[in-house]
Amino acid sequence: MSPPPDPNEHPVSAPPELDPVIHAQARLRVVAALSALREGDRLAFPRLQEILGMTAGNLSVHLRKLEEAGYVTVTKTHSGRTPTTLLCLSRRGRLAFEEYTAAVRALLEPPQSTVDESTLEGS
């Protein structure tokens, strides 16, 4: 038979889950860069590639994964005869990134104590 729980112990909650779509380092960098845009603003693919220092192929693979998850909106258009790809976070992507950053903060911040400090030794 196991001993009764110690009333001074704090229940430990499970750590928050991190969104695996965003958690990959390259995709996290993409989402973080796009989150800096104001809602409604878009960034050209070559500019994002320059900011992140990624190859076009690598960036395309990660953008496709983010687009499939509904986190990034990709708009293909033309500037004259030149094709242009514009990128932004979708509302769903912004919410997912906010939830992701909250989960990371929860992992990094120590839990708040609910112990009455007057009951601690030396008080």
N, C-alpha and C. Protein backbone atom coordinates (compact mmCIF):
# COMPACT_ATOMS: atom_id res chain seq x y z
N MET A 1 0.85 -1.18 0.00
CA MET A 1 0.00 0.00 0.00
C MET A 1 0.89 1.24 0.00
N SER A 2 0.56 2.21 -0.85
CA SER A 2 1.39 3.41 -0.94
C SER A 2 1.02 4.39 0.16
N PRO A 3 2.01 5.21 0.59
CA PRO A 3 1.74 6.18 1.66
C PRO A 3 0.78 7.26 1.16
N PRO A 4 0.06 7.90 2.07
CA PRO A 4 -0.85 8.97 1.64
C PRO A 4 -0.04 10.14 1.08
N PRO A 5 -0.63 10.92 0.20
CA PRO A 5 0.09 12.06 -0.38
C PRO A 5 0.46 13.08 0.69
N ASP A 6 1.63 13.66 0.55
CA ASP A 6 2.10 14.70 1.46
C ASP A 6 1.33 15.98 1.16
N PRO A 7 0.62 16.56 2.14
CA PRO A 7 -0.17 17.78 1.87
C PRO A 7 0.71 18.97 1.52
N ASN A 8 2.02 18.91 1.82
CA ASN A 8 2.91 20.03 1.49
C ASN A 8 3.45 19.94 0.07
N GLU A 9 3.26 18.78 -0.57
CA GLU A 9 3.72 18.64 -1.96
C GLU A 9 2.73 19.32 -2.88
N HIS A 10 3.25 19.91 -3.93
CA HIS A 10 2.41 20.57 -4.93
C HIS A 10 2.19 19.61 -6.07
N PRO A 11 0.97 19.49 -6.54
CA PRO A 11 0.76 18.63 -7.70
C PRO A 11 1.50 19.23 -8.90
N VAL A 12 2.15 18.38 -9.63
CA VAL A 12 2.90 18.83 -10.80
C VAL A 12 2.04 18.56 -12.02
N SER A 13 1.78 19.62 -12.76
CA SER A 13 0.97 19.44 -13.97
C SER A 13 1.89 19.04 -15.12
N ALA A 14 1.31 18.40 -16.09
CA ALA A 14 2.07 17.97 -17.26
C ALA A 14 2.53 19.20 -18.02
N PRO A 15 3.74 19.15 -18.57
CA PRO A 15 4.20 20.31 -19.35
C PRO A 15 3.32 20.50 -20.58
N PRO A 16 3.18 21.74 -21.03
CA PRO A 16 2.34 21.99 -22.20
C PRO A 16 2.95 21.35 -23.45
N GLU A 17 2.10 20.98 -24.38
CA GLU A 17 2.55 20.42 -25.65
C GLU A 17 2.97 21.56 -26.57
N LEU A 18 4.05 21.34 -27.31
CA LEU A 18 4.50 22.32 -28.29
C LEU A 18 4.04 21.87 -29.67
N ASP A 19 3.47 22.78 -30.42
CA ASP A 19 2.95 22.48 -31.76
C ASP A 19 4.10 21.97 -32.64
N PRO A 20 4.04 20.71 -33.09
CA PRO A 20 5.14 20.15 -33.87
C PRO A 20 5.33 20.82 -35.23
N VAL A 21 4.28 21.43 -35.77
CA VAL A 21 4.43 22.13 -37.05
C VAL A 21 5.32 23.35 -36.88
N ILE A 22 5.13 24.08 -35.81
CA ILE A 22 5.91 25.29 -35.56
C ILE A 22 7.26 24.95 -34.92
N HIS A 23 7.32 23.89 -34.15
CA HIS A 23 8.50 23.61 -33.33
C HIS A 23 9.78 23.34 -34.12
N ALA A 24 9.68 22.86 -35.33
CA ALA A 24 10.89 22.66 -36.14
C ALA A 24 11.61 24.00 -36.29
N GLN A 25 12.91 24.00 -36.08
CA GLN A 25 13.65 25.26 -36.01
C GLN A 25 13.41 26.18 -37.21
N ALA A 26 13.48 25.66 -38.41
CA ALA A 26 13.31 26.51 -39.60
C ALA A 26 11.89 27.08 -39.65
N ARG A 27 10.89 26.26 -39.34
CA ARG A 27 9.51 26.77 -39.38
C ARG A 27 9.25 27.77 -38.26
N LEU A 28 9.86 27.57 -37.12
CA LEU A 28 9.75 28.54 -36.03
C LEU A 28 10.31 29.89 -36.48
N ARG A 29 11.43 29.86 -37.16
CA ARG A 29 12.03 31.10 -37.66
C ARG A 29 11.12 31.78 -38.68
N VAL A 30 10.50 30.99 -39.56
CA VAL A 30 9.59 31.54 -40.57
C VAL A 30 8.39 32.20 -39.88
N VAL A 31 7.77 31.48 -38.96
CA VAL A 31 6.59 32.00 -38.27
C VAL A 31 6.93 33.23 -37.45
N ALA A 32 8.08 33.21 -36.77
CA ALA A 32 8.49 34.37 -35.98
C ALA A 32 8.70 35.59 -36.88
N ALA A 33 9.33 35.38 -38.03
CA ALA A 33 9.57 36.50 -38.95
C ALA A 33 8.24 37.05 -39.48
N LEU A 34 7.33 36.16 -39.87
CA LEU A 34 6.05 36.63 -40.41
C LEU A 34 5.16 37.24 -39.33
N SER A 35 5.34 36.83 -38.08
CA SER A 35 4.52 37.38 -37.00
C SER A 35 4.85 38.85 -36.75
N ALA A 36 6.01 39.29 -37.20
CA ALA A 36 6.40 40.69 -37.01
C ALA A 36 5.63 41.62 -37.95
N LEU A 37 5.00 41.05 -38.99
CA LEU A 37 4.21 41.87 -39.90
C LEU A 37 2.89 42.25 -39.24
N ARG A 38 2.40 43.42 -39.56
CA ARG A 38 1.06 43.79 -39.11
C ARG A 38 0.05 42.94 -39.86
N GLU A 39 -1.09 42.68 -39.23
CA GLU A 39 -2.12 41.90 -39.89
C GLU A 39 -2.51 42.58 -41.19
N GLY A 40 -2.54 41.82 -42.27
CA GLY A 40 -2.86 42.36 -43.59
C GLY A 40 -1.63 42.65 -44.43
N ASP A 41 -0.46 42.80 -43.80
CA ASP A 41 0.77 43.02 -44.55
C ASP A 41 1.31 41.68 -45.06
N ARG A 42 2.03 41.73 -46.17
CA ARG A 42 2.61 40.53 -46.74
C ARG A 42 4.08 40.78 -47.04
N LEU A 43 4.84 39.70 -47.11
CA LEU A 43 6.28 39.78 -47.36
C LEU A 43 6.59 38.96 -48.60
N ALA A 44 7.44 39.49 -49.48
CA ALA A 44 7.83 38.77 -50.69
C ALA A 44 8.77 37.62 -50.32
N PHE A 45 8.61 36.52 -51.03
CA PHE A 45 9.42 35.33 -50.79
C PHE A 45 10.92 35.64 -50.77
N PRO A 46 11.46 36.38 -51.78
CA PRO A 46 12.91 36.64 -51.75
C PRO A 46 13.36 37.42 -50.52
N ARG A 47 12.50 38.32 -50.03
CA ARG A 47 12.86 39.10 -48.83
C ARG A 47 12.89 38.20 -47.61
N LEU A 48 11.91 37.30 -47.47
CA LEU A 48 11.91 36.37 -46.34
C LEU A 48 13.13 35.45 -46.43
N GLN A 49 13.44 35.01 -47.63
CA GLN A 49 14.62 34.16 -47.84
C GLN A 49 15.89 34.89 -47.40
N GLU A 50 15.99 36.16 -47.73
CA GLU A 50 17.14 36.98 -47.35
C GLU A 50 17.21 37.16 -45.83
N ILE A 51 16.08 37.47 -45.22
CA ILE A 51 16.02 37.69 -43.77
C ILE A 51 16.49 36.44 -43.03
N LEU A 52 16.01 35.26 -43.48
CA LEU A 52 16.29 34.01 -42.78
C LEU A 52 17.59 33.34 -43.22
N GLY A 53 18.15 33.77 -44.35
CA GLY A 53 19.38 33.16 -44.84
C GLY A 53 19.18 31.70 -45.24
N MET A 54 18.03 31.40 -45.81
CA MET A 54 17.71 30.03 -46.21
C MET A 54 17.76 29.91 -47.73
N THR A 55 17.99 28.70 -48.20
CA THR A 55 17.92 28.48 -49.64
C THR A 55 16.45 28.52 -50.06
N ALA A 56 16.23 28.79 -51.34
CA ALA A 56 14.85 28.85 -51.85
C ALA A 56 14.15 27.50 -51.66
N GLY A 57 14.85 26.42 -51.94
CA GLY A 57 14.26 25.09 -51.82
C GLY A 57 13.88 24.76 -50.39
N ASN A 58 14.78 25.04 -49.45
CA ASN A 58 14.52 24.76 -48.04
C ASN A 58 13.35 25.60 -47.53
N LEU A 59 13.35 26.87 -47.86
CA LEU A 59 12.27 27.74 -47.44
C LEU A 59 10.94 27.27 -48.03
N SER A 60 10.94 26.87 -49.29
CA SER A 60 9.72 26.39 -49.94
C SER A 60 9.14 25.18 -49.24
N VAL A 61 10.00 24.24 -48.85
CA VAL A 61 9.53 23.03 -48.17
C VAL A 61 8.85 23.40 -46.85
N HIS A 62 9.45 24.28 -46.09
CA HIS A 62 8.88 24.67 -44.79
C HIS A 62 7.61 25.51 -44.96
N LEU A 63 7.58 26.36 -45.97
CA LEU A 63 6.37 27.14 -46.23
C LEU A 63 5.21 26.23 -46.64
N ARG A 64 5.51 25.20 -47.41
CA ARG A 64 4.46 24.27 -47.83
C ARG A 64 3.85 23.58 -46.61
N LYS A 65 4.69 23.16 -45.68
CA LYS A 65 4.20 22.50 -44.45
C LYS A 65 3.34 23.47 -43.64
N LEU A 66 3.77 24.71 -43.53
CA LEU A 66 3.00 25.72 -42.79
C LEU A 66 1.70 26.05 -43.51
N GLU A 67 1.74 26.08 -44.83
CA GLU A 67 0.53 26.36 -45.61
C GLU A 67 -0.47 25.20 -45.46
N GLU A 68 0.02 23.96 -45.49
CA GLU A 68 -0.85 22.79 -45.33
C GLU A 68 -1.54 22.80 -43.97
N ALA A 69 -0.87 23.32 -42.95
CA ALA A 69 -1.45 23.41 -41.61
C ALA A 69 -2.41 24.59 -41.49
N GLY A 70 -2.44 25.45 -42.52
CA GLY A 70 -3.31 26.62 -42.47
C GLY A 70 -2.71 27.79 -41.73
N TYR A 71 -1.38 27.76 -41.49
CA TYR A 71 -0.72 28.80 -40.71
C TYR A 71 -0.20 29.95 -41.58
N VAL A 72 0.08 29.67 -42.84
CA VAL A 72 0.64 30.68 -43.74
C VAL A 72 -0.24 30.78 -44.98
N THR A 73 -0.44 32.01 -45.43
CA THR A 73 -1.16 32.26 -46.67
C THR A 73 -0.13 32.62 -47.73
N VAL A 74 -0.17 31.90 -48.84
CA VAL A 74 0.75 32.15 -49.96
C VAL A 74 -0.08 32.70 -51.11
N THR A 75 0.30 33.89 -51.59
CA THR A 75 -0.39 34.52 -52.71
C THR A 75 0.60 34.66 -53.86
N LYS A 76 0.24 34.05 -54.98
CA LYS A 76 1.10 34.15 -56.17
C LYS A 76 0.46 35.15 -57.12
N THR A 77 1.26 36.11 -57.52
CA THR A 77 0.78 37.18 -58.38
C THR A 77 1.88 37.53 -59.38
N HIS A 78 1.68 38.58 -60.12
CA HIS A 78 2.70 39.05 -61.08
C HIS A 78 2.91 40.53 -60.89
N SER A 79 4.16 40.93 -61.01
CA SER A 79 4.51 42.34 -61.05
C SER A 79 5.03 42.56 -62.46
N GLY A 80 4.14 43.03 -63.32
CA GLY A 80 4.48 43.05 -64.75
C GLY A 80 4.49 41.62 -65.25
N ARG A 81 5.61 41.19 -65.80
CA ARG A 81 5.73 39.80 -66.26
C ARG A 81 6.46 38.92 -65.24
N THR A 82 6.87 39.52 -64.14
CA THR A 82 7.64 38.80 -63.13
C THR A 82 6.71 38.18 -62.10
N PRO A 83 6.77 36.85 -61.93
CA PRO A 83 5.95 36.23 -60.89
C PRO A 83 6.45 36.65 -59.51
N THR A 84 5.50 36.87 -58.60
CA THR A 84 5.83 37.28 -57.24
C THR A 84 5.03 36.40 -56.27
N THR A 85 5.71 35.94 -55.23
CA THR A 85 5.06 35.16 -54.18
C THR A 85 5.06 35.99 -52.91
N LEU A 86 3.86 36.24 -52.39
CA LEU A 86 3.72 37.04 -51.17
C LEU A 86 3.24 36.14 -50.04
N LEU A 87 3.76 36.39 -48.85
CA LEU A 87 3.51 35.51 -47.70
C LEU A 87 3.02 36.31 -46.49
N CYS A 88 2.16 35.67 -45.72
CA CYS A 88 1.73 36.24 -44.44
C CYS A 88 1.21 35.12 -43.56
N LEU A 89 1.16 35.39 -42.26
CA LEU A 89 0.54 34.44 -41.35
C LEU A 89 -0.97 34.59 -41.48
N SER A 90 -1.66 33.47 -41.46
CA SER A 90 -3.12 33.51 -41.42
C SER A 90 -3.54 33.81 -39.99
N ARG A 91 -4.81 34.05 -39.77
CA ARG A 91 -5.30 34.25 -38.39
C ARG A 91 -5.01 32.99 -37.57
N ARG A 92 -5.25 31.85 -38.20
CA ARG A 92 -4.97 30.58 -37.52
C ARG A 92 -3.48 30.47 -37.16
N GLY A 93 -2.61 30.93 -38.07
CA GLY A 93 -1.17 30.90 -37.82
C GLY A 93 -0.77 31.81 -36.67
N ARG A 94 -1.38 33.00 -36.63
CA ARG A 94 -1.08 33.93 -35.52
C ARG A 94 -1.51 33.33 -34.19
N LEU A 95 -2.69 32.73 -34.16
CA LEU A 95 -3.19 32.11 -32.94
C LEU A 95 -2.28 30.94 -32.54
N ALA A 96 -1.89 30.13 -33.50
CA ALA A 96 -1.00 28.99 -33.21
C ALA A 96 0.33 29.48 -32.66
N PHE A 97 0.86 30.57 -33.21
CA PHE A 97 2.14 31.10 -32.73
C PHE A 97 1.99 31.68 -31.33
N GLU A 98 0.87 32.35 -31.05
CA GLU A 98 0.62 32.87 -29.71
C GLU A 98 0.53 31.72 -28.71
N GLU A 99 -0.16 30.65 -29.07
CA GLU A 99 -0.28 29.49 -28.20
C GLU A 99 1.08 28.82 -28.01
N TYR A 100 1.87 28.76 -29.07
CA TYR A 100 3.20 28.15 -29.01
C TYR A 100 4.09 28.96 -28.04
N THR A 101 4.10 30.28 -28.19
CA THR A 101 4.96 31.10 -27.32
C THR A 101 4.49 31.02 -25.87
N ALA A 102 3.17 30.93 -25.65
CA ALA A 102 2.66 30.78 -24.28
C ALA A 102 3.11 29.44 -23.70
N ALA A 103 3.10 28.40 -24.51
CA ALA A 103 3.53 27.08 -24.03
C ALA A 103 5.02 27.09 -23.69
N VAL A 104 5.83 27.76 -24.51
CA VAL A 104 7.27 27.85 -24.23
C VAL A 104 7.49 28.62 -22.93
N ARG A 105 6.77 29.73 -22.76
CA ARG A 105 6.90 30.50 -21.52
C ARG A 105 6.53 29.66 -20.31
N ALA A 106 5.46 28.87 -20.44
CA ALA A 106 5.03 28.01 -19.34
C ALA A 106 6.09 26.97 -19.00
N LEU A 107 6.82 26.50 -20.00
CA LEU A 107 7.89 25.55 -19.75
C LEU A 107 9.08 26.19 -19.05
N LEU A 108 9.33 27.45 -19.37
CA LEU A 108 10.53 28.13 -18.87
C LEU A 108 10.32 28.83 -17.53
N GLU A 109 9.10 29.25 -17.25
CA GLU A 109 8.84 29.97 -16.01
C GLU A 109 8.57 28.98 -14.89
N PRO A 110 9.15 29.21 -13.72
CA PRO A 110 8.85 28.31 -12.60
C PRO A 110 7.40 28.46 -12.19
N PRO A 111 6.77 27.37 -11.74
CA PRO A 111 5.38 27.48 -11.31
C PRO A 111 5.27 28.39 -10.10
N GLN A 112 4.16 29.09 -10.01
CA GLN A 112 3.93 29.97 -8.87
C GLN A 112 3.60 29.13 -7.65
N SER A 113 4.24 29.43 -6.55
CA SER A 113 4.03 28.68 -5.31
C SER A 113 2.71 29.08 -4.68
N THR A 114 2.00 28.08 -4.17
CA THR A 114 0.76 28.37 -3.45
C THR A 114 0.93 28.08 -1.96
N VAL A 115 2.21 27.88 -1.54
CA VAL A 115 2.49 27.58 -0.14
C VAL A 115 2.40 28.87 0.67
N ASP A 116 1.80 28.77 1.84
CA ASP A 116 1.74 29.89 2.76
C ASP A 116 3.14 30.06 3.33
N GLU A 117 3.81 31.16 2.97
CA GLU A 117 5.20 31.34 3.34
C GLU A 117 5.41 31.43 4.85
N SER A 118 4.37 31.75 5.60
CA SER A 118 4.52 31.82 7.06
C SER A 118 4.70 30.45 7.67
N THR A 119 4.40 29.39 6.92
CA THR A 119 4.55 28.03 7.45
C THR A 119 5.93 27.44 7.15
N LEU A 120 6.73 28.17 6.36
CA LEU A 120 8.07 27.67 6.01
C LEU A 120 9.03 27.90 7.17
N GLU A 121 10.02 27.01 7.27
CA GLU A 121 11.07 27.16 8.31
C GLU A 121 11.78 28.49 8.12
N GLY A 122 12.12 29.10 9.20
CA GLY A 122 12.89 30.33 9.15
C GLY A 122 12.02 31.56 8.93
N SER A 123 10.73 31.41 8.81
CA SER A 123 9.85 32.57 8.60
C SER A 123 9.50 33.20 9.92
